[in-house]
Amino acid sequence: MHKIFQKELLYLFFGIFFISIILQLLSTSLPFAYTYDTFISYKGLWQWITSSLVHWNWMHWFLNISNLFILIFLFEDAWSSKKFIFLFSIFSFFIILSLYIYSSDIKYYVGMSGVLYGMAIYGALKTFFKQQIISTIVLIYIGMKLNIDKTVNHYMGVDILLGNMKVIEDVHWYGAISGLIYIILESLYIKLRKYIISHKCD
């Protein structure tokens, strides 16, 4: 990737880095997390984006922000900084809406992991033909992780590491599905656009 775009992505990372720190510090007094009762009353609609930027504790924040850095540059050819922000927002909204509709028993949620699953799926598929080995490894890992999420988390002591926070596997699935849906729709749009342009030229 061109150095200018690498610079933009670095600025993007540090932007999210500092915003998430500020929100984390303010989260004890302000309602940035997704809460079902607040969201359903339309008093906390901003939670569709802020809930992905606040975390259960600082260890939870550190793990997600580290994975964010890796993802941004591992699949840097998949997005510009504007595209990344757009995808981040869309996936966050999809996850919160899915929680609201399909997982109404979940009353509280914070964390970036669901969005990261979506970004990983999108990035791996978008750059698949440019870096097949890396993309394949990431896709296989995500597939395995989704299927054994609960067992692995408890076996590795992740819940304890995160301060007895309950890892919500539904969010990971919603994130992965959002990434898959978006890349499919984007591919269909690109093909349709090429088809229309080619027929106009004829």
C-alpha atoms as a PDB file:
ATOM      1  CA  MET A   1       0.000   0.000   0.000  1.00  0.00           C
ATOM      2  CA  HIS A   2       1.085   3.567  -0.686  1.00  0.00           C
ATOM      3  CA  LYS A   3       2.810   5.296   2.228  1.00  0.00           C
ATOM      4  CA  ILE A   4       0.154   8.049   2.291  1.00  0.00           C
ATOM      5  CA  PHE A   5      -2.580   5.481   2.898  1.00  0.00           C
ATOM      6  CA  GLN A   6      -0.465   3.750   5.546  1.00  0.00           C
ATOM      7  CA  LYS A   7      -0.125   7.120   7.272  1.00  0.00           C
ATOM      8  CA  GLU A   8      -3.900   7.668   7.094  1.00  0.00           C
ATOM      9  CA  LEU A   9      -4.540   4.247   8.629  1.00  0.00           C
ATOM     10  CA  LEU A  10      -2.057   4.998  11.405  1.00  0.00           C
ATOM     11  CA  TYR A  11      -3.886   8.243  12.152  1.00  0.00           C
ATOM     12  CA  LEU A  12      -7.142   6.281  12.076  1.00  0.00           C
ATOM     13  CA  PHE A  13      -5.857   3.795  14.625  1.00  0.00           C
ATOM     14  CA  PHE A  14      -4.653   6.484  17.015  1.00  0.00           C
ATOM     15  CA  GLY A  15      -7.948   8.349  16.567  1.00  0.00           C
ATOM     16  CA  ILE A  16      -9.927   5.286  17.661  1.00  0.00           C
ATOM     17  CA  PHE A  17      -7.282   4.596  20.328  1.00  0.00           C
ATOM     18  CA  PHE A  18      -7.689   7.979  22.037  1.00  0.00           C
ATOM     19  CA  ILE A  19     -11.467   8.208  21.585  1.00  0.00           C
ATOM     20  CA  SER A  20     -11.888   4.788  23.189  1.00  0.00           C
ATOM     21  CA  ILE A  21      -9.675   5.818  26.111  1.00  0.00           C
ATOM     22  CA  ILE A  22     -11.738   8.976  26.693  1.00  0.00           C
ATOM     23  CA  LEU A  23     -15.027   7.074  26.505  1.00  0.00           C
ATOM     24  CA  GLN A  24     -13.638   4.392  28.792  1.00  0.00           C
ATOM     25  CA  LEU A  25     -12.733   6.999  31.396  1.00  0.00           C
ATOM     26  CA  LEU A  26     -16.185   8.616  31.121  1.00  0.00           C
ATOM     27  CA  SER A  27     -18.156   5.365  30.920  1.00  0.00           C
ATOM     28  CA  THR A  28     -18.609   5.096  34.686  1.00  0.00           C
ATOM     29  CA  SER A  29     -20.799   8.222  34.704  1.00  0.00           C
ATOM     30  CA  LEU A  30     -22.246   8.369  31.161  1.00  0.00           C
ATOM     31  CA  PRO A  31     -24.380   5.700  29.375  1.00  0.00           C
ATOM     32  CA  PHE A  32     -22.138   4.709  26.475  1.00  0.00           C
ATOM     33  CA  ALA A  33     -22.752   0.959  26.783  1.00  0.00           C
ATOM     34  CA  TYR A  34     -25.618  -0.802  25.026  1.00  0.00           C
ATOM     35  CA  THR A  35     -28.482  -1.367  27.439  1.00  0.00           C
ATOM     36  CA  TYR A  36     -31.676  -2.942  26.161  1.00  0.00           C
ATOM     37  CA  ASP A  37     -34.036  -0.817  28.277  1.00  0.00           C
ATOM     38  CA  THR A  38     -32.404   2.465  27.228  1.00  0.00           C
ATOM     39  CA  PHE A  39     -32.102   1.511  23.573  1.00  0.00           C
ATOM     40  CA  ILE A  40     -35.730   0.426  23.341  1.00  0.00           C
ATOM     41  CA  SER A  41     -36.839   3.824  24.633  1.00  0.00           C
ATOM     42  CA  TYR A  42     -34.831   5.631  21.923  1.00  0.00           C
ATOM     43  CA  LYS A  43     -33.006   7.613  24.602  1.00  0.00           C
ATOM     44  CA  GLY A  44     -29.678   5.953  23.872  1.00  0.00           C
ATOM     45  CA  LEU A  45     -29.506   5.576  20.101  1.00  0.00           C
ATOM     46  CA  TRP A  46     -25.853   6.702  20.148  1.00  0.00           C
ATOM     47  CA  GLN A  47     -25.093   3.402  21.893  1.00  0.00           C
ATOM     48  CA  TRP A  48     -25.006   1.650  18.504  1.00  0.00           C
ATOM     49  CA  ILE A  49     -21.527   3.127  18.022  1.00  0.00           C
ATOM     50  CA  THR A  50     -20.256   3.974  21.531  1.00  0.00           C
ATOM     51  CA  SER A  51     -20.919   0.472  22.873  1.00  0.00           C
ATOM     52  CA  SER A  52     -18.171  -0.794  20.559  1.00  0.00           C
ATOM     53  CA  LEU A  53     -15.705   1.754  21.914  1.00  0.00           C
ATOM     54  CA  VAL A  54     -16.140   1.179  25.662  1.00  0.00           C
ATOM     55  CA  HIS A  55     -15.038  -1.979  27.472  1.00  0.00           C
ATOM     56  CA  TRP A  56     -15.617  -3.996  30.616  1.00  0.00           C
ATOM     57  CA  ASN A  57     -12.182  -3.177  32.001  1.00  0.00           C
ATOM     58  CA  TRP A  58      -8.742  -2.090  30.813  1.00  0.00           C
ATOM     59  CA  MET A  59      -7.596  -5.613  30.021  1.00  0.00           C
ATOM     60  CA  HIS A  60     -10.654  -6.037  27.792  1.00  0.00           C
ATOM     61  CA  TRP A  61      -9.773  -2.703  26.138  1.00  0.00           C
ATOM     62  CA  PHE A  62      -6.125  -3.681  25.648  1.00  0.00           C
ATOM     63  CA  LEU A  63      -6.964  -7.006  23.959  1.00  0.00           C
ATOM     64  CA  ASN A  64      -9.410  -5.404  21.541  1.00  0.00           C
ATOM     65  CA  ILE A  65      -7.283  -2.353  20.716  1.00  0.00           C
ATOM     66  CA  SER A  66      -4.316  -4.656  20.013  1.00  0.00           C
ATOM     67  CA  ASN A  67      -6.410  -6.763  17.643  1.00  0.00           C
ATOM     68  CA  LEU A  68      -7.684  -3.581  16.001  1.00  0.00           C
ATOM     69  CA  PHE A  69      -4.120  -2.497  15.222  1.00  0.00           C
ATOM     70  CA  ILE A  70      -3.287  -5.897  13.740  1.00  0.00           C
ATOM     71  CA  LEU A  71      -6.422  -5.977  11.598  1.00  0.00           C
ATOM     72  CA  ILE A  72      -6.061  -2.464  10.225  1.00  0.00           C
ATOM     73  CA  PHE A  73      -2.630  -3.192   8.795  1.00  0.00           C
ATOM     74  CA  LEU A  74      -2.999  -6.917   8.097  1.00  0.00           C
ATOM     75  CA  PHE A  75      -5.708  -6.106   5.541  1.00  0.00           C
ATOM     76  CA  GLU A  76      -4.653  -2.549   4.734  1.00  0.00           C
ATOM     77  CA  ASP A  77      -5.442  -3.074   1.024  1.00  0.00           C
ATOM     78  CA  ALA A  78      -9.104  -3.704   1.903  1.00  0.00           C
ATOM     79  CA  TRP A  79      -9.886  -0.192   3.078  1.00  0.00           C
ATOM     80  CA  SER A  80      -9.057   3.477   3.272  1.00  0.00           C
ATOM     81  CA  SER A  81      -9.497   5.286   6.577  1.00  0.00           C
ATOM     82  CA  LYS A  82     -12.944   6.556   5.482  1.00  0.00           C
ATOM     83  CA  LYS A  83     -13.999   3.076   4.377  1.00  0.00           C
ATOM     84  CA  PHE A  84     -12.854   1.606   7.681  1.00  0.00           C
ATOM     85  CA  ILE A  85     -14.861   4.146   9.704  1.00  0.00           C
ATOM     86  CA  PHE A  86     -17.904   3.458   7.529  1.00  0.00           C
ATOM     87  CA  LEU A  87     -17.609  -0.311   7.999  1.00  0.00           C
ATOM     88  CA  PHE A  88     -16.965   0.068  11.725  1.00  0.00           C
ATOM     89  CA  SER A  89     -20.174   2.095  12.048  1.00  0.00           C
ATOM     90  CA  ILE A  90     -22.265  -0.247   9.878  1.00  0.00           C
ATOM     91  CA  PHE A  91     -21.091  -3.381  11.701  1.00  0.00           C
ATOM     92  CA  SER A  92     -21.657  -1.740  15.098  1.00  0.00           C
ATOM     93  CA  PHE A  93     -25.203  -0.848  14.103  1.00  0.00           C
ATOM     94  CA  PHE A  94     -25.872  -4.354  12.739  1.00  0.00           C
ATOM     95  CA  ILE A  95     -24.617  -5.965  15.963  1.00  0.00           C
ATOM     96  CA  ILE A  96     -26.692  -3.745  18.264  1.00  0.00           C
ATOM     97  CA  LEU A  97     -29.795  -4.165  16.084  1.00  0.00           C
ATOM     98  CA  SER A  98     -29.280  -7.945  16.103  1.00  0.00           C
ATOM     99  CA  LEU A  99     -28.911  -7.952  19.879  1.00  0.00           C
ATOM    100  CA  TYR A 100     -32.103  -5.933  20.175  1.00  0.00           C
ATOM    101  CA  ILE A 101     -34.098  -8.196  17.825  1.00  0.00           C
ATOM    102  CA  TYR A 102     -32.642 -11.687  18.318  1.00  0.00           C
ATOM    103  CA  SER A 103     -30.981 -11.568  21.758  1.00  0.00           C
ATOM    104  CA  SER A 104     -33.385  -9.534  23.864  1.00  0.00           C
ATOM    105  CA  ASP A 105     -32.272 -11.538  26.911  1.00  0.00           C
ATOM    106  CA  ILE A 106     -28.938  -9.705  26.721  1.00  0.00           C
ATOM    107  CA  LYS A 107     -29.523  -6.459  28.597  1.00  0.00           C
ATOM    108  CA  TYR A 108     -25.992  -5.051  28.612  1.00  0.00           C
ATOM    109  CA  TYR A 109     -23.096  -5.118  26.158  1.00  0.00           C
ATOM    110  CA  VAL A 110     -19.756  -3.403  25.664  1.00  0.00           C
ATOM    111  CA  GLY A 111     -16.732  -4.212  23.529  1.00  0.00           C
ATOM    112  CA  MET A 112     -15.224  -4.112  20.081  1.00  0.00           C
ATOM    113  CA  SER A 113     -14.813  -7.844  19.447  1.00  0.00           C
ATOM    114  CA  GLY A 114     -17.995  -8.229  17.389  1.00  0.00           C
ATOM    115  CA  VAL A 115     -16.951  -5.430  15.053  1.00  0.00           C
ATOM    116  CA  LEU A 116     -13.458  -6.925  14.799  1.00  0.00           C
ATOM    117  CA  TYR A 117     -14.943 -10.249  13.672  1.00  0.00           C
ATOM    118  CA  GLY A 118     -16.848  -8.404  10.958  1.00  0.00           C
ATOM    119  CA  MET A 119     -13.772  -6.445   9.870  1.00  0.00           C
ATOM    120  CA  ALA A 120     -11.680  -9.644   9.801  1.00  0.00           C
ATOM    121  CA  ILE A 121     -14.211 -11.469   7.602  1.00  0.00           C
ATOM    122  CA  TYR A 122     -14.514  -8.504   5.263  1.00  0.00           C
ATOM    123  CA  GLY A 123     -10.760  -7.868   5.101  1.00  0.00           C
ATOM    124  CA  ALA A 124      -9.865 -11.525   4.527  1.00  0.00           C
ATOM    125  CA  LEU A 125     -12.388 -11.959   1.704  1.00  0.00           C
ATOM    126  CA  LYS A 126     -11.658  -8.567   0.136  1.00  0.00           C
ATOM    127  CA  THR A 127      -7.919  -9.274  -0.114  1.00  0.00           C
ATOM    128  CA  PHE A 128      -8.210 -13.032  -0.641  1.00  0.00           C
ATOM    129  CA  PHE A 129      -6.635 -13.120  -4.097  1.00  0.00           C
ATOM    130  CA  LYS A 130      -3.804 -10.783  -3.055  1.00  0.00           C
ATOM    131  CA  GLN A 131      -2.784 -12.687   0.085  1.00  0.00           C
ATOM    132  CA  GLN A 132      -4.438 -16.069  -0.043  1.00  0.00           C
ATOM    133  CA  ILE A 133      -2.417 -17.734   2.717  1.00  0.00           C
ATOM    134  CA  ILE A 134      -3.047 -15.024   5.328  1.00  0.00           C
ATOM    135  CA  SER A 135      -6.717 -14.694   4.375  1.00  0.00           C
ATOM    136  CA  THR A 136      -7.251 -18.450   4.474  1.00  0.00           C
ATOM    137  CA  ILE A 137      -5.613 -18.763   7.901  1.00  0.00           C
ATOM    138  CA  VAL A 138      -7.741 -15.913   9.277  1.00  0.00           C
ATOM    139  CA  LEU A 139     -10.969 -17.358   7.847  1.00  0.00           C
ATOM    140  CA  ILE A 140     -10.223 -20.845   9.195  1.00  0.00           C
ATOM    141  CA  TYR A 141      -9.329 -19.416  12.603  1.00  0.00           C
ATOM    142  CA  ILE A 142     -12.538 -17.367  12.776  1.00  0.00           C
ATOM    143  CA  GLY A 143     -14.612 -20.370  11.695  1.00  0.00           C
ATOM    144  CA  MET A 144     -13.049 -22.554  14.388  1.00  0.00           C
ATOM    145  CA  LYS A 145     -13.261 -19.795  17.011  1.00  0.00           C
ATOM    146  CA  LEU A 146     -16.951 -19.218  16.372  1.00  0.00           C
ATOM    147  CA  ASN A 147     -17.751 -22.904  16.685  1.00  0.00           C
ATOM    148  CA  ILE A 148     -15.795 -23.548  19.871  1.00  0.00           C
ATOM    149  CA  ASP A 149     -16.051 -20.046  21.330  1.00  0.00           C
ATOM    150  CA  LYS A 150     -17.595 -20.957  24.642  1.00  0.00           C
ATOM    151  CA  THR A 151     -15.348 -23.959  25.316  1.00  0.00           C
ATOM    152  CA  VAL A 152     -12.134 -22.173  24.398  1.00  0.00           C
ATOM    153  CA  ASN A 153     -12.953 -19.042  26.393  1.00  0.00           C
ATOM    154  CA  HIS A 154     -13.550 -20.967  29.595  1.00  0.00           C
ATOM    155  CA  TYR A 155     -10.697 -23.408  28.993  1.00  0.00           C
ATOM    156  CA  MET A 156      -8.164 -20.639  28.457  1.00  0.00           C
ATOM    157  CA  GLY A 157      -9.494 -18.651  31.391  1.00  0.00           C
ATOM    158  CA  VAL A 158     -10.453 -15.656  29.255  1.00  0.00           C
ATOM    159  CA  ASP A 159     -13.447 -14.916  31.481  1.00  0.00           C
ATOM    160  CA  ILE A 160     -11.131 -14.716  34.495  1.00  0.00           C
ATOM    161  CA  LEU A 161      -8.571 -12.659  32.566  1.00  0.00           C
ATOM    162  CA  LEU A 162     -11.276 -10.117  31.743  1.00  0.00           C
ATOM    163  CA  GLY A 163     -12.398  -9.827  35.338  1.00  0.00           C
ATOM    164  CA  ASN A 164     -15.136 -12.473  35.277  1.00  0.00           C
ATOM    165  CA  MET A 165     -16.801 -10.739  32.328  1.00  0.00           C
ATOM    166  CA  LYS A 166     -19.172 -13.053  30.472  1.00  0.00           C
ATOM    167  CA  VAL A 167     -18.058 -13.292  26.842  1.00  0.00           C
ATOM    168  CA  ILE A 168     -21.166 -12.915  24.664  1.00  0.00           C
ATOM    169  CA  GLU A 169     -20.711 -15.333  21.769  1.00  0.00           C
ATOM    170  CA  ASP A 170     -23.814 -13.994  19.988  1.00  0.00           C
ATOM    171  CA  VAL A 171     -21.986 -10.731  19.334  1.00  0.00           C
ATOM    172  CA  HIS A 172     -19.129 -12.538  17.592  1.00  0.00           C
ATOM    173  CA  TRP A 173     -21.604 -14.314  15.321  1.00  0.00           C
ATOM    174  CA  TYR A 174     -23.470 -11.093  14.530  1.00  0.00           C
ATOM    175  CA  GLY A 175     -20.182  -9.367  13.744  1.00  0.00           C
ATOM    176  CA  ALA A 176     -18.984 -12.151  11.444  1.00  0.00           C
ATOM    177  CA  ILE A 177     -22.362 -12.270   9.683  1.00  0.00           C
ATOM    178  CA  SER A 178     -22.335  -8.499   9.171  1.00  0.00           C
ATOM    179  CA  GLY A 179     -18.920  -8.692   7.498  1.00  0.00           C
ATOM    180  CA  LEU A 180     -20.038 -11.566   5.269  1.00  0.00           C
ATOM    181  CA  ILE A 181     -23.282  -9.849   4.250  1.00  0.00           C
ATOM    182  CA  TYR A 182     -21.498  -6.607   3.422  1.00  0.00           C
ATOM    183  CA  ILE A 183     -18.797  -8.189   1.253  1.00  0.00           C
ATOM    184  CA  ILE A 184     -21.462 -10.144  -0.656  1.00  0.00           C
ATOM    185  CA  LEU A 185     -23.578  -7.034  -1.255  1.00  0.00           C
ATOM    186  CA  GLU A 186     -20.521  -5.000  -2.223  1.00  0.00           C
ATOM    187  CA  SER A 187     -19.376  -7.659  -4.701  1.00  0.00           C
ATOM    188  CA  LEU A 188     -22.847  -7.845  -6.256  1.00  0.00           C
ATOM    189  CA  TYR A 189     -22.952  -4.058  -6.559  1.00  0.00           C
ATOM    190  CA  ILE A 190     -19.536  -3.935  -8.263  1.00  0.00           C
ATOM    191  CA  LYS A 191     -20.529  -6.673 -10.732  1.00  0.00           C
ATOM    192  CA  LEU A 192     -23.867  -4.988 -11.474  1.00  0.00           C
ATOM    193  CA  ARG A 193     -22.162  -1.651 -12.017  1.00  0.00           C
ATOM    194  CA  LYS A 194     -19.627  -3.188 -14.411  1.00  0.00           C
ATOM    195  CA  TYR A 195     -22.453  -4.942 -16.266  1.00  0.00           C
ATOM    196  CA  ILE A 196     -24.413  -1.691 -16.686  1.00  0.00           C
ATOM    197  CA  ILE A 197     -21.322   0.257 -17.807  1.00  0.00           C
ATOM    198  CA  SER A 198     -20.309  -2.422 -20.326  1.00  0.00           C
ATOM    199  CA  HIS A 199     -23.804  -2.458 -21.835  1.00  0.00           C
ATOM    200  CA  LYS A 200     -23.880   1.327 -22.065  1.00  0.00           C
ATOM    201  CA  CYS A 201     -20.629   1.242 -24.013  1.00  0.00           C
ATOM    202  CA  ASP A 202     -22.176  -1.281 -26.412  1.00  0.00           C
END
